């Protein structure tokens, strides 16, 4: 393998802000925010709005999540130009 062409693959914490659920995994995503995990070490944290803890398919509950007007952004992007 060629050296220095692959992104760093490190432990990160994913934080579902909708349900306040956190889990640790490995990822190539980078973040400047850090959080102290249960093992006492500091890890980068990636905030997400939907995970298996809050997605209706996995929870069986209906939830309305509209962050930053996603529907408006979609309509603006794909509306027909007159």
C-alpha atoms as a PDB file:
ATOM      1  CA  UNK A   1       0.000   0.000   0.000  1.00  0.00           C
ATOM      2  CA  UNK A   2       1.125   3.536  -0.679  1.00  0.00           C
ATOM      3  CA  UNK A   3       1.972   5.531   2.407  1.00  0.00           C
ATOM      4  CA  UNK A   4       0.254   8.773   3.431  1.00  0.00           C
ATOM      5  CA  UNK A   5      -2.669   8.578   0.988  1.00  0.00           C
ATOM      6  CA  UNK A   6      -5.241   7.013   3.316  1.00  0.00           C
ATOM      7  CA  UNK A   7      -7.223   9.030   5.892  1.00  0.00           C
ATOM      8  CA  UNK A   8      -6.655   8.440   9.584  1.00  0.00           C
ATOM      9  CA  UNK A   9      -8.927   5.781  11.053  1.00  0.00           C
ATOM     10  CA  UNK A  10      -9.458   6.499  14.752  1.00  0.00           C
ATOM     11  CA  UNK A  11     -11.940   5.942  17.556  1.00  0.00           C
ATOM     12  CA  UNK A  12     -14.724   8.539  17.655  1.00  0.00           C
ATOM     13  CA  UNK A  13     -17.901   9.020  19.649  1.00  0.00           C
ATOM     14  CA  UNK A  14     -21.141   9.429  17.712  1.00  0.00           C
ATOM     15  CA  UNK A  15     -23.718  11.393  19.692  1.00  0.00           C
ATOM     16  CA  UNK A  16     -27.373  11.209  18.650  1.00  0.00           C
ATOM     17  CA  UNK A  17     -28.590  14.617  19.806  1.00  0.00           C
ATOM     18  CA  UNK A  18     -32.260  13.663  19.367  1.00  0.00           C
ATOM     19  CA  UNK A  19     -32.197  10.828  21.903  1.00  0.00           C
ATOM     20  CA  UNK A  20     -28.975  11.730  23.773  1.00  0.00           C
ATOM     21  CA  UNK A  21     -27.526   8.321  22.850  1.00  0.00           C
ATOM     22  CA  UNK A  22     -23.748   7.982  22.456  1.00  0.00           C
ATOM     23  CA  UNK A  23     -21.679   5.150  21.062  1.00  0.00           C
ATOM     24  CA  UNK A  24     -18.014   4.671  20.252  1.00  0.00           C
ATOM     25  CA  UNK A  25     -16.774   3.266  16.958  1.00  0.00           C
ATOM     26  CA  UNK A  26     -13.973   3.847  14.482  1.00  0.00           C
ATOM     27  CA  UNK A  27     -14.262   6.310  11.632  1.00  0.00           C
ATOM     28  CA  UNK A  28     -12.292   8.507   9.264  1.00  0.00           C
ATOM     29  CA  UNK A  29     -14.428  11.529  10.177  1.00  0.00           C
ATOM     30  CA  UNK A  30     -12.632  14.352  11.958  1.00  0.00           C
ATOM     31  CA  UNK A  31     -14.000  16.692  14.633  1.00  0.00           C
ATOM     32  CA  UNK A  32     -12.587  19.508  16.703  1.00  0.00           C
ATOM     33  CA  UNK A  33     -15.065  18.834  19.523  1.00  0.00           C
ATOM     34  CA  UNK A  34     -13.924  16.356  22.156  1.00  0.00           C
ATOM     35  CA  UNK A  35     -15.708  14.433  24.902  1.00  0.00           C
ATOM     36  CA  UNK A  36     -14.491  12.301  27.796  1.00  0.00           C
ATOM     37  CA  UNK A  37     -15.772   8.745  27.430  1.00  0.00           C
ATOM     38  CA  UNK A  38     -16.537   6.258  30.221  1.00  0.00           C
ATOM     39  CA  UNK A  39     -12.973   4.908  30.112  1.00  0.00           C
ATOM     40  CA  UNK A  40     -11.658   8.363  31.095  1.00  0.00           C
ATOM     41  CA  UNK A  41     -10.019   9.068  27.733  1.00  0.00           C
ATOM     42  CA  UNK A  42     -10.831  11.990  25.473  1.00  0.00           C
ATOM     43  CA  UNK A  43     -12.234  11.257  22.007  1.00  0.00           C
ATOM     44  CA  UNK A  44     -13.530  13.385  19.117  1.00  0.00           C
ATOM     45  CA  UNK A  45     -17.331  13.611  19.058  1.00  0.00           C
ATOM     46  CA  UNK A  46     -19.500  13.625  15.912  1.00  0.00           C
ATOM     47  CA  UNK A  47     -23.050  14.884  16.486  1.00  0.00           C
ATOM     48  CA  UNK A  48     -25.786  13.226  14.434  1.00  0.00           C
ATOM     49  CA  UNK A  49     -29.516  13.808  14.403  1.00  0.00           C
ATOM     50  CA  UNK A  50     -30.685  10.264  13.667  1.00  0.00           C
ATOM     51  CA  UNK A  51     -29.297   6.910  14.758  1.00  0.00           C
ATOM     52  CA  UNK A  52     -30.754   3.509  15.587  1.00  0.00           C
ATOM     53  CA  UNK A  53     -31.793   4.954  18.973  1.00  0.00           C
ATOM     54  CA  UNK A  54     -34.059   7.586  17.395  1.00  0.00           C
ATOM     55  CA  UNK A  55     -34.976   6.305  13.914  1.00  0.00           C
ATOM     56  CA  UNK A  56     -38.647   5.283  13.661  1.00  0.00           C
ATOM     57  CA  UNK A  57     -37.805   2.029  11.866  1.00  0.00           C
ATOM     58  CA  UNK A  58     -35.779   0.796  14.851  1.00  0.00           C
ATOM     59  CA  UNK A  59     -37.836   2.359  17.667  1.00  0.00           C
ATOM     60  CA  UNK A  60     -41.328   1.747  16.282  1.00  0.00           C
ATOM     61  CA  UNK A  61     -42.294   5.316  17.239  1.00  0.00           C
ATOM     62  CA  UNK A  62     -43.215   8.155  14.931  1.00  0.00           C
ATOM     63  CA  UNK A  63     -41.067  11.224  15.425  1.00  0.00           C
ATOM     64  CA  UNK A  64     -41.012  14.535  13.638  1.00  0.00           C
ATOM     65  CA  UNK A  65     -37.451  15.776  13.187  1.00  0.00           C
ATOM     66  CA  UNK A  66     -36.963  18.909  11.127  1.00  0.00           C
ATOM     67  CA  UNK A  67     -33.598  20.450  11.664  1.00  0.00           C
ATOM     68  CA  UNK A  68     -32.662  23.611   9.853  1.00  0.00           C
ATOM     69  CA  UNK A  69     -35.618  23.366   7.472  1.00  0.00           C
ATOM     70  CA  UNK A  70     -34.624  20.279   5.504  1.00  0.00           C
ATOM     71  CA  UNK A  71     -37.910  20.309   3.615  1.00  0.00           C
ATOM     72  CA  UNK A  72     -37.442  23.941   2.596  1.00  0.00           C
ATOM     73  CA  UNK A  73     -33.891  23.239   1.438  1.00  0.00           C
ATOM     74  CA  UNK A  74     -35.134  20.308  -0.660  1.00  0.00           C
ATOM     75  CA  UNK A  75     -37.934  22.356  -2.248  1.00  0.00           C
ATOM     76  CA  UNK A  76     -35.585  25.245  -2.988  1.00  0.00           C
ATOM     77  CA  UNK A  77     -33.034  22.938  -4.596  1.00  0.00           C
ATOM     78  CA  UNK A  78     -35.466  21.017  -6.794  1.00  0.00           C
ATOM     79  CA  UNK A  79     -38.211  23.538  -7.555  1.00  0.00           C
ATOM     80  CA  UNK A  80     -38.900  24.111 -11.232  1.00  0.00           C
ATOM     81  CA  UNK A  81     -37.251  27.149 -12.703  1.00  0.00           C
ATOM     82  CA  UNK A  82     -39.760  29.363 -14.554  1.00  0.00           C
END
